[in-house]
N, C-alpha and C. Protein backbone atom coordinates (compact mmCIF):
# COMPACT_ATOMS: atom_id res chain seq x y z
N UNK A 1 -4.01 3.66 -18.61
CA UNK A 1 -4.05 4.96 -19.21
C UNK A 1 -4.98 5.83 -18.38
N UNK A 2 -4.64 7.10 -18.29
CA UNK A 2 -5.49 8.07 -17.60
C UNK A 2 -6.02 9.06 -18.63
N UNK A 3 -7.34 9.09 -18.79
CA UNK A 3 -7.99 10.06 -19.68
C UNK A 3 -8.42 11.23 -18.80
N UNK A 4 -7.84 12.41 -19.05
CA UNK A 4 -8.12 13.58 -18.22
C UNK A 4 -9.30 14.34 -18.78
N UNK A 5 -10.30 14.59 -17.95
CA UNK A 5 -11.46 15.38 -18.35
C UNK A 5 -11.31 16.82 -17.91
N UNK A 6 -10.26 17.13 -17.17
CA UNK A 6 -9.94 18.49 -16.76
C UNK A 6 -8.48 18.72 -17.10
N UNK A 7 -8.22 19.79 -17.85
CA UNK A 7 -6.83 20.09 -18.18
C UNK A 7 -6.61 21.58 -18.05
N UNK A 8 -5.66 22.00 -17.27
CA UNK A 8 -4.77 21.12 -16.52
C UNK A 8 -5.45 20.62 -15.25
N UNK A 9 -4.91 19.52 -14.69
CA UNK A 9 -5.31 19.13 -13.35
C UNK A 9 -4.82 20.25 -12.44
N UNK A 10 -5.56 20.58 -11.41
CA UNK A 10 -5.17 21.69 -10.55
C UNK A 10 -5.43 21.39 -9.09
N UNK A 11 -4.55 21.91 -8.24
CA UNK A 11 -4.71 21.72 -6.81
C UNK A 11 -5.89 22.56 -6.32
N UNK A 12 -6.11 23.72 -6.90
CA UNK A 12 -7.26 24.57 -6.57
C UNK A 12 -8.05 24.81 -7.85
N UNK A 13 -9.34 24.50 -7.83
CA UNK A 13 -10.20 24.67 -9.00
C UNK A 13 -11.32 25.63 -8.62
N UNK A 14 -11.16 26.90 -8.91
CA UNK A 14 -12.14 27.90 -8.52
C UNK A 14 -13.32 27.98 -9.47
N UNK A 15 -13.25 27.28 -10.60
CA UNK A 15 -14.35 27.35 -11.57
C UNK A 15 -15.45 26.33 -11.31
N UNK A 16 -15.33 25.57 -10.22
CA UNK A 16 -16.36 24.60 -9.87
C UNK A 16 -16.19 23.24 -10.54
N UNK A 17 -15.22 23.12 -11.44
CA UNK A 17 -14.98 21.82 -12.09
C UNK A 17 -14.16 20.94 -11.14
N UNK A 18 -13.92 19.70 -11.55
CA UNK A 18 -13.17 18.78 -10.71
C UNK A 18 -12.08 18.10 -11.53
N UNK A 19 -11.17 17.46 -10.84
CA UNK A 19 -10.07 16.73 -11.46
C UNK A 19 -10.54 15.33 -11.83
N UNK A 20 -11.40 15.24 -12.83
CA UNK A 20 -11.97 13.96 -13.24
C UNK A 20 -10.98 13.21 -14.12
N UNK A 21 -10.74 11.96 -13.76
CA UNK A 21 -9.85 11.08 -14.51
C UNK A 21 -10.57 9.77 -14.76
N UNK A 22 -10.52 9.31 -16.00
CA UNK A 22 -11.04 8.00 -16.35
C UNK A 22 -9.85 7.07 -16.49
N UNK A 23 -9.77 6.08 -15.61
CA UNK A 23 -8.69 5.09 -15.64
C UNK A 23 -9.11 3.96 -16.57
N UNK A 24 -8.27 3.64 -17.55
CA UNK A 24 -8.56 2.59 -18.52
C UNK A 24 -7.39 1.62 -18.53
N UNK A 25 -7.68 0.34 -18.35
CA UNK A 25 -6.61 -0.67 -18.42
C UNK A 25 -6.82 -1.52 -19.66
N UNK A 26 -5.73 -1.92 -20.26
CA UNK A 26 -5.85 -2.80 -21.43
C UNK A 26 -6.19 -4.20 -20.95
N UNK A 27 -6.73 -4.98 -21.86
CA UNK A 27 -7.09 -6.36 -21.51
C UNK A 27 -5.85 -7.13 -21.12
N UNK A 28 -5.96 -7.87 -20.06
CA UNK A 28 -4.83 -8.67 -19.58
C UNK A 28 -4.65 -9.91 -20.45
N UNK A 29 -3.39 -10.31 -20.66
CA UNK A 29 -3.13 -11.52 -21.43
C UNK A 29 -3.19 -12.75 -20.53
N UNK A 30 -3.18 -12.53 -19.22
CA UNK A 30 -3.33 -13.63 -18.27
C UNK A 30 -4.50 -13.29 -17.36
N UNK A 31 -5.03 -14.30 -16.71
CA UNK A 31 -6.15 -14.08 -15.80
C UNK A 31 -5.69 -13.26 -14.61
N UNK A 32 -6.48 -12.26 -14.20
CA UNK A 32 -6.12 -11.47 -13.02
C UNK A 32 -6.21 -12.32 -11.77
N UNK A 33 -5.55 -11.89 -10.75
CA UNK A 33 -5.58 -12.55 -9.45
C UNK A 33 -6.96 -12.32 -8.85
N UNK A 34 -7.76 -13.36 -8.79
CA UNK A 34 -9.14 -13.21 -8.29
C UNK A 34 -9.20 -13.01 -6.79
N UNK A 35 -8.07 -13.20 -6.08
CA UNK A 35 -8.07 -12.96 -4.64
C UNK A 35 -7.73 -11.52 -4.31
N UNK A 36 -7.26 -10.74 -5.29
CA UNK A 36 -6.94 -9.33 -5.07
C UNK A 36 -8.21 -8.50 -5.12
N UNK A 37 -8.26 -7.41 -4.34
CA UNK A 37 -9.46 -6.57 -4.37
C UNK A 37 -9.60 -5.86 -5.71
N UNK A 38 -10.86 -5.53 -6.06
CA UNK A 38 -11.14 -4.82 -7.30
C UNK A 38 -10.77 -3.34 -7.22
N UNK A 39 -10.51 -2.84 -6.02
CA UNK A 39 -10.21 -1.43 -5.83
C UNK A 39 -8.91 -1.06 -6.54
N UNK A 40 -8.91 0.10 -7.23
CA UNK A 40 -7.69 0.66 -7.79
C UNK A 40 -7.04 1.46 -6.67
N UNK A 41 -5.89 0.99 -6.19
CA UNK A 41 -5.15 1.66 -5.11
C UNK A 41 -4.04 2.50 -5.73
N UNK A 42 -4.01 3.78 -5.37
CA UNK A 42 -3.03 4.72 -5.92
C UNK A 42 -2.17 5.24 -4.77
N UNK A 43 -0.86 5.06 -4.91
CA UNK A 43 0.09 5.67 -3.99
C UNK A 43 0.82 6.75 -4.79
N UNK A 44 0.67 8.00 -4.38
CA UNK A 44 1.23 9.13 -5.12
C UNK A 44 2.32 9.80 -4.29
N UNK A 45 3.47 10.06 -4.93
CA UNK A 45 4.59 10.72 -4.28
C UNK A 45 4.92 12.00 -5.05
N UNK A 46 4.99 13.12 -4.33
CA UNK A 46 5.34 14.40 -4.95
C UNK A 46 6.82 14.40 -5.27
N UNK A 47 7.15 14.65 -6.53
CA UNK A 47 8.52 14.62 -7.01
C UNK A 47 9.43 15.51 -6.15
N UNK A 48 10.57 14.95 -5.76
CA UNK A 48 11.57 15.70 -5.00
C UNK A 48 11.27 15.86 -3.53
N UNK A 49 10.22 15.18 -3.03
CA UNK A 49 9.85 15.31 -1.62
C UNK A 49 9.55 13.93 -1.04
N UNK A 50 9.29 13.92 0.25
CA UNK A 50 8.84 12.70 0.93
C UNK A 50 7.32 12.69 1.06
N UNK A 51 6.64 13.67 0.46
CA UNK A 51 5.18 13.77 0.55
C UNK A 51 4.54 12.63 -0.22
N UNK A 52 3.75 11.83 0.48
CA UNK A 52 3.10 10.67 -0.12
C UNK A 52 1.65 10.63 0.34
N UNK A 53 0.75 10.37 -0.59
CA UNK A 53 -0.67 10.23 -0.27
C UNK A 53 -1.21 8.98 -0.96
N UNK A 54 -2.33 8.49 -0.46
CA UNK A 54 -2.99 7.35 -1.09
C UNK A 54 -4.40 7.75 -1.48
N UNK A 55 -4.85 7.17 -2.57
CA UNK A 55 -6.21 7.37 -3.05
C UNK A 55 -6.73 6.02 -3.49
N UNK A 56 -8.05 5.84 -3.49
CA UNK A 56 -8.66 4.59 -3.95
C UNK A 56 -9.82 4.88 -4.89
N UNK A 57 -9.96 4.02 -5.88
CA UNK A 57 -11.09 4.08 -6.81
C UNK A 57 -11.82 2.76 -6.67
N UNK A 58 -13.00 2.80 -6.04
CA UNK A 58 -13.78 1.58 -5.82
C UNK A 58 -14.16 0.95 -7.15
N UNK A 59 -14.08 -0.35 -7.22
CA UNK A 59 -14.45 -1.07 -8.44
C UNK A 59 -13.34 -1.18 -9.46
N UNK A 60 -12.16 -0.66 -9.16
CA UNK A 60 -11.04 -0.76 -10.09
C UNK A 60 -11.03 0.37 -11.09
N UNK A 61 -10.25 0.23 -12.17
CA UNK A 61 -10.17 1.30 -13.17
C UNK A 61 -11.56 1.72 -13.65
N UNK A 62 -11.74 3.02 -13.78
CA UNK A 62 -13.00 3.61 -14.20
C UNK A 62 -12.97 5.09 -13.87
N UNK A 63 -14.13 5.75 -13.81
CA UNK A 63 -14.17 7.19 -13.54
C UNK A 63 -13.83 7.51 -12.09
N UNK A 64 -13.18 8.66 -11.89
CA UNK A 64 -12.81 9.06 -10.54
C UNK A 64 -12.57 10.56 -10.48
N UNK A 65 -12.52 11.08 -9.27
CA UNK A 65 -12.07 12.44 -8.99
C UNK A 65 -10.82 12.26 -8.11
N UNK A 66 -9.68 12.68 -8.62
CA UNK A 66 -8.43 12.51 -7.88
C UNK A 66 -7.82 13.88 -7.64
N UNK A 67 -7.82 14.31 -6.39
CA UNK A 67 -7.21 15.58 -5.99
C UNK A 67 -5.92 15.29 -5.23
N UNK A 68 -4.97 16.20 -5.35
CA UNK A 68 -3.71 16.11 -4.62
C UNK A 68 -3.58 17.31 -3.70
N UNK A 69 -2.87 17.16 -2.58
CA UNK A 69 -2.80 18.25 -1.60
C UNK A 69 -1.89 19.42 -2.01
N UNK A 70 -1.03 19.20 -3.00
CA UNK A 70 -0.12 20.27 -3.44
C UNK A 70 0.07 20.20 -4.94
N UNK A 71 0.42 21.34 -5.52
CA UNK A 71 0.75 21.38 -6.94
C UNK A 71 2.12 20.73 -7.15
N UNK A 72 2.34 20.24 -8.36
CA UNK A 72 3.63 19.67 -8.71
C UNK A 72 3.46 18.39 -9.51
N UNK A 73 4.57 17.73 -9.76
CA UNK A 73 4.58 16.47 -10.49
C UNK A 73 4.45 15.32 -9.49
N UNK A 74 3.42 14.53 -9.67
CA UNK A 74 3.15 13.40 -8.78
C UNK A 74 3.44 12.10 -9.51
N UNK A 75 4.24 11.22 -8.88
CA UNK A 75 4.52 9.89 -9.42
C UNK A 75 3.49 8.94 -8.80
N UNK A 76 2.70 8.28 -9.64
CA UNK A 76 1.64 7.40 -9.16
C UNK A 76 2.02 5.94 -9.36
N UNK A 77 1.84 5.16 -8.31
CA UNK A 77 1.95 3.71 -8.37
C UNK A 77 0.52 3.18 -8.28
N UNK A 78 0.10 2.43 -9.30
CA UNK A 78 -1.28 1.96 -9.41
C UNK A 78 -1.32 0.44 -9.22
N UNK A 79 -2.28 -0.03 -8.40
CA UNK A 79 -2.44 -1.47 -8.17
C UNK A 79 -3.92 -1.82 -8.18
N UNK A 80 -4.28 -2.88 -8.92
CA UNK A 80 -5.66 -3.35 -8.95
C UNK A 80 -5.70 -4.78 -9.45
N UNK A 81 -6.49 -5.60 -8.80
CA UNK A 81 -6.78 -6.99 -9.22
C UNK A 81 -5.55 -7.73 -9.73
N UNK A 82 -4.43 -7.64 -8.99
CA UNK A 82 -3.23 -8.36 -9.37
C UNK A 82 -2.38 -7.67 -10.43
N UNK A 83 -2.76 -6.46 -10.85
CA UNK A 83 -2.02 -5.70 -11.87
C UNK A 83 -1.32 -4.51 -11.22
N UNK A 84 -0.26 -4.02 -11.85
CA UNK A 84 0.43 -2.82 -11.39
C UNK A 84 0.84 -1.96 -12.58
N UNK A 85 0.99 -0.67 -12.34
CA UNK A 85 1.48 0.25 -13.36
C UNK A 85 1.96 1.51 -12.65
N UNK A 86 2.64 2.38 -13.38
CA UNK A 86 3.08 3.66 -12.84
C UNK A 86 2.85 4.74 -13.88
N UNK A 87 2.75 5.97 -13.43
CA UNK A 87 2.66 7.12 -14.33
C UNK A 87 2.92 8.38 -13.53
N UNK A 88 3.21 9.46 -14.24
CA UNK A 88 3.39 10.76 -13.62
C UNK A 88 2.26 11.68 -14.09
N UNK A 89 1.69 12.45 -13.16
CA UNK A 89 0.68 13.45 -13.49
C UNK A 89 1.08 14.78 -12.85
N UNK A 90 0.91 15.85 -13.59
CA UNK A 90 1.25 17.19 -13.10
C UNK A 90 -0.04 17.91 -12.69
N UNK A 91 -0.02 18.47 -11.50
CA UNK A 91 -1.11 19.28 -10.98
C UNK A 91 -0.62 20.73 -10.89
N UNK A 92 -1.34 21.65 -11.53
CA UNK A 92 -1.01 23.07 -11.46
C UNK A 92 -1.44 23.61 -10.09
N UNK A 93 -0.91 24.77 -9.73
CA UNK A 93 -1.26 25.40 -8.45
C UNK A 93 -2.74 25.77 -8.43
N UNK A 94 -3.20 26.43 -9.49
CA UNK A 94 -4.59 26.84 -9.59
C UNK A 94 -4.89 27.12 -11.05
N UNK A 95 -6.16 27.13 -11.37
CA UNK A 95 -6.54 27.47 -12.75
C UNK A 95 -6.38 28.96 -12.96
N UNK A 96 -6.02 29.35 -14.19
CA UNK A 96 -5.88 30.78 -14.48
C UNK A 96 -7.20 31.52 -14.40
């Protein structure tokens, strides 16, 4: 789950705030892969394009600042400690 501390997320934030996201994972029913890194690896693809970026959150799910290079709907593939998930997040062009 992604808990958004900034709404909307925005490609340009002129008010000095940031795109803070708290990543929360539910407890696993099986033991995680202890050979996998603790880093939360995010591969984001802008909907309808070939634009793809990667982001990392050291230590796995937790607090982060995640910025995207363009506004739009981003499909995120999330990987951490042997777990995977996906979600879509929308980034506005700029704050009003």
